[in-house]
Protein backbone atom coordinates (compact mmCIF):
# COMPACT_ATOMS: atom_id res chain seq x y z
CA MET A 1 70.15 97.67 140.30
CA SER A 2 67.34 95.63 138.63
CA ASN A 3 64.31 96.51 140.51
CA PHE A 4 63.12 100.02 141.84
CA THR A 5 60.54 100.34 144.66
CA PHE A 6 58.62 103.95 144.70
CA SER A 7 56.19 105.17 147.25
CA SER A 8 52.65 105.79 145.96
CA SER A 9 50.98 109.23 145.53
CA ASP A 10 48.18 108.54 147.65
CA ASP A 11 47.80 109.69 151.39
CA THR A 12 47.25 106.52 152.93
CA PRO A 13 49.15 106.28 156.27
CA ASN A 14 51.80 103.39 155.92
CA THR A 15 51.37 100.55 158.24
CA ALA A 16 54.43 98.47 160.19
CA SER A 17 54.19 95.72 157.66
CA GLU A 18 54.69 98.19 154.80
CA PRO A 19 57.66 100.48 155.73
CA THR A 20 58.32 103.90 154.21
CA VAL A 21 60.99 104.59 151.35
CA LEU A 22 62.90 106.19 153.94
CA GLY A 23 62.53 103.10 156.54
CA GLN A 24 63.26 101.20 153.43
CA LEU A 25 66.50 103.12 152.94
CA ARG A 26 67.31 102.97 156.34
CA SER A 27 67.24 99.43 156.75
CA ILE A 28 69.48 99.24 153.58
CA ILE A 29 72.38 101.59 154.89
CA THR A 30 72.60 99.90 158.22
CA GLN A 31 73.30 96.36 156.56
CA LYS A 32 77.18 96.09 156.21
CA VAL A 33 78.14 95.78 152.67
CA THR A 34 81.04 93.07 152.07
CA ARG A 35 81.56 90.70 149.36
CA PRO A 36 81.58 86.99 149.78
CA ASP A 37 84.95 85.06 149.65
CA ILE A 38 85.93 83.75 146.13
CA TYR A 39 88.16 80.64 145.36
CA VAL A 40 91.15 81.45 143.02
CA GLN A 41 92.32 77.88 141.35
CA VAL A 42 95.98 77.33 141.18
CA PRO A 43 96.68 76.22 137.57
CA GLU A 44 99.52 73.65 137.98
CA ARG A 45 98.46 72.29 141.08
CA PRO A 46 95.19 69.99 140.13
CA GLY A 47 92.20 70.18 142.86
CA VAL A 48 94.17 72.97 144.77
CA MET A 49 92.53 76.65 144.94
CA VAL A 50 93.09 79.48 147.63
CA ARG A 51 90.00 80.79 149.20
CA VAL A 52 90.31 84.77 149.41
CA SER A 53 88.45 87.89 150.71
CA PRO A 54 87.86 90.15 148.20
CA ASN A 55 87.34 93.27 150.51
CA ILE A 56 90.08 95.34 150.07
CA THR A 57 90.22 99.22 150.70
CA GLN A 58 92.40 101.75 148.89
CA ASN A 59 94.70 102.07 152.03
CA GLN A 60 95.48 98.59 151.74
CA MET A 61 96.07 98.68 148.05
CA ARG A 62 98.45 101.70 148.67
CA ALA A 63 100.22 100.18 151.44
CA TRP A 64 100.93 97.31 149.20
CA ARG A 65 101.75 99.24 146.31
CA LYS A 66 104.19 101.17 148.13
CA ASN A 67 105.64 97.96 149.68
CA ALA A 68 106.35 97.09 146.10
CA GLY A 69 108.48 100.12 145.18
CA GLU A 70 105.71 102.06 143.57
CA GLU A 71 107.02 105.39 144.74
CA THR A 72 111.06 104.30 144.01
CA LYS A 73 113.06 105.11 140.96
CA LYS A 74 112.93 101.51 139.55
CA GLY A 75 108.75 101.65 140.08
CA MET A 76 106.54 99.03 141.37
CA ASP A 77 107.38 95.25 141.36
CA THR A 78 104.16 93.89 139.94
CA LEU A 79 105.01 90.32 141.21
CA LYS A 80 105.73 91.53 144.84
CA PHE A 81 102.54 93.52 144.63
CA SER A 82 100.71 90.67 143.38
CA CYS A 83 102.41 88.17 145.97
CA GLN A 84 101.34 90.55 148.73
CA LEU A 85 97.72 91.02 147.72
CA ILE A 86 97.22 87.04 147.83
CA ALA A 87 99.12 86.72 150.79
CA ALA A 88 97.01 89.13 152.48
CA THR A 89 93.51 88.18 151.38
CA CYS A 90 93.92 84.34 151.72
CA THR A 91 91.52 83.02 154.45
CA GLY A 92 92.02 79.54 153.41
CA ILE A 93 93.75 76.90 151.07
CA VAL A 94 91.25 74.05 149.36
CA VAL A 95 92.29 70.88 147.98
CA ASN A 96 89.79 68.90 146.55
CA ASP A 97 86.96 71.06 147.51
CA GLU A 98 88.06 70.23 151.33
CA VAL A 99 89.55 73.49 153.57
CA VAL A 100 93.05 72.40 155.32
CA THR A 101 93.22 72.75 158.40
CA ASP A 102 95.92 71.79 161.08
CA ASP A 103 95.86 69.02 163.95
CA LYS A 104 94.08 71.62 165.72
CA GLY A 105 91.51 72.39 163.08
CA VAL A 106 92.55 75.72 162.36
CA GLU A 107 92.42 76.66 158.80
CA LEU A 108 95.95 77.02 156.89
CA THR A 109 96.75 79.95 154.96
CA PHE A 110 100.16 81.32 153.57
CA ALA A 111 101.20 82.62 156.94
CA SER A 112 100.84 79.17 158.33
CA PRO A 113 103.91 77.21 159.61
CA GLU A 114 102.91 74.16 157.86
CA ILE A 115 102.06 75.68 154.36
CA MET A 116 105.89 77.74 154.73
CA GLU A 117 107.38 74.30 155.69
CA MET A 118 105.80 72.56 152.20
CA THR A 119 106.98 75.47 150.40
CA GLY A 120 110.51 75.40 151.66
CA THR A 121 109.80 79.05 152.85
CA THR A 122 110.08 81.50 155.71
CA ARG A 123 108.35 84.58 154.44
CA PRO A 124 104.55 84.51 153.23
CA HIS A 125 105.21 86.66 150.72
CA PRO A 126 106.68 86.93 148.39
CA ASP A 127 108.18 83.42 148.69
CA CYS A 128 105.67 81.13 150.04
CA VAL A 129 103.15 82.76 147.76
CA HIS A 130 105.57 82.12 144.67
CA ALA A 131 106.35 78.88 145.77
CA PHE A 132 102.81 77.69 146.01
CA PHE A 133 101.63 79.04 142.34
CA GLY A 134 105.20 78.36 140.79
CA LEU A 135 104.65 80.09 137.61
CA GLU A 136 104.99 84.03 137.72
CA PRO A 137 102.00 84.52 135.68
CA HIS A 138 99.72 82.60 137.66
CA ILE A 139 100.61 84.89 140.26
CA GLU A 140 99.48 87.87 139.05
CA ALA A 141 96.51 86.10 137.00
CA ALA A 142 95.23 85.43 140.56
CA ALA A 143 96.11 88.86 141.98
CA VAL A 144 93.90 90.78 139.18
CA ALA A 145 90.89 87.81 139.75
CA ILE A 146 91.12 89.10 143.01
CA ILE A 147 91.25 92.86 142.60
CA GLU A 148 88.36 92.26 139.73
CA ALA A 149 86.16 90.07 142.74
CA ALA A 150 86.68 93.34 144.83
CA GLY A 151 85.12 95.50 142.48
CA TYR A 152 87.63 97.88 141.16
CA GLY A 153 87.00 96.77 137.91
CA ASP A 154 83.29 97.15 138.29
CA ASN A 155 81.52 99.84 135.46
CA VAL A 156 79.02 101.64 137.57
CA GLU A 157 75.92 102.04 135.13
CA ALA A 158 73.97 105.30 135.40
CA LEU A 159 69.94 104.72 135.32
CA ASP A 160 66.71 106.63 134.92
CA PRO A 161 64.40 105.37 137.50
CA THR A 162 61.74 107.22 135.74
CA LYS A 163 61.87 105.04 132.61
CA THR A 164 60.78 101.06 132.70
CA ARG A 165 63.63 98.52 131.76
CA SER A 166 61.12 98.33 128.39
CA SER A 167 61.76 101.50 127.39
CA ASN A 168 65.62 101.94 128.09
């Protein structure tokens, strides 16, 4: 948070061009909070990136962990988890800064038949993601980048609004 706006202590009425602090908060809260798509490079494939939506819920994370065996004796398979996360959040594939589309103009993802055919796979995850990235460490690194972009690694800083930036 960089700027704070506080109401003045005088008794002048607020006008329509100057909303109340409550009105400002109401306006802010009614806006949907989402994070923009990010691009993850595929290291061993020059010019290739995967566009992903980092808008991930706790329920999705829980389901992917469970599907990857988190609650089993063997424990969670982090590679399987990473492949699920990448496949589920992929919104497009980019080659040399151009989004890849099929003949009808539909943007391709790991679930697209064309991508599965190219990779010689029949399932978007883990097979297609694994074949597409080629190396397991790159798959897990991409998943970490997506999780961090989603905000799961964010630090929330406590601020004292009564102090100015110069006095912090």
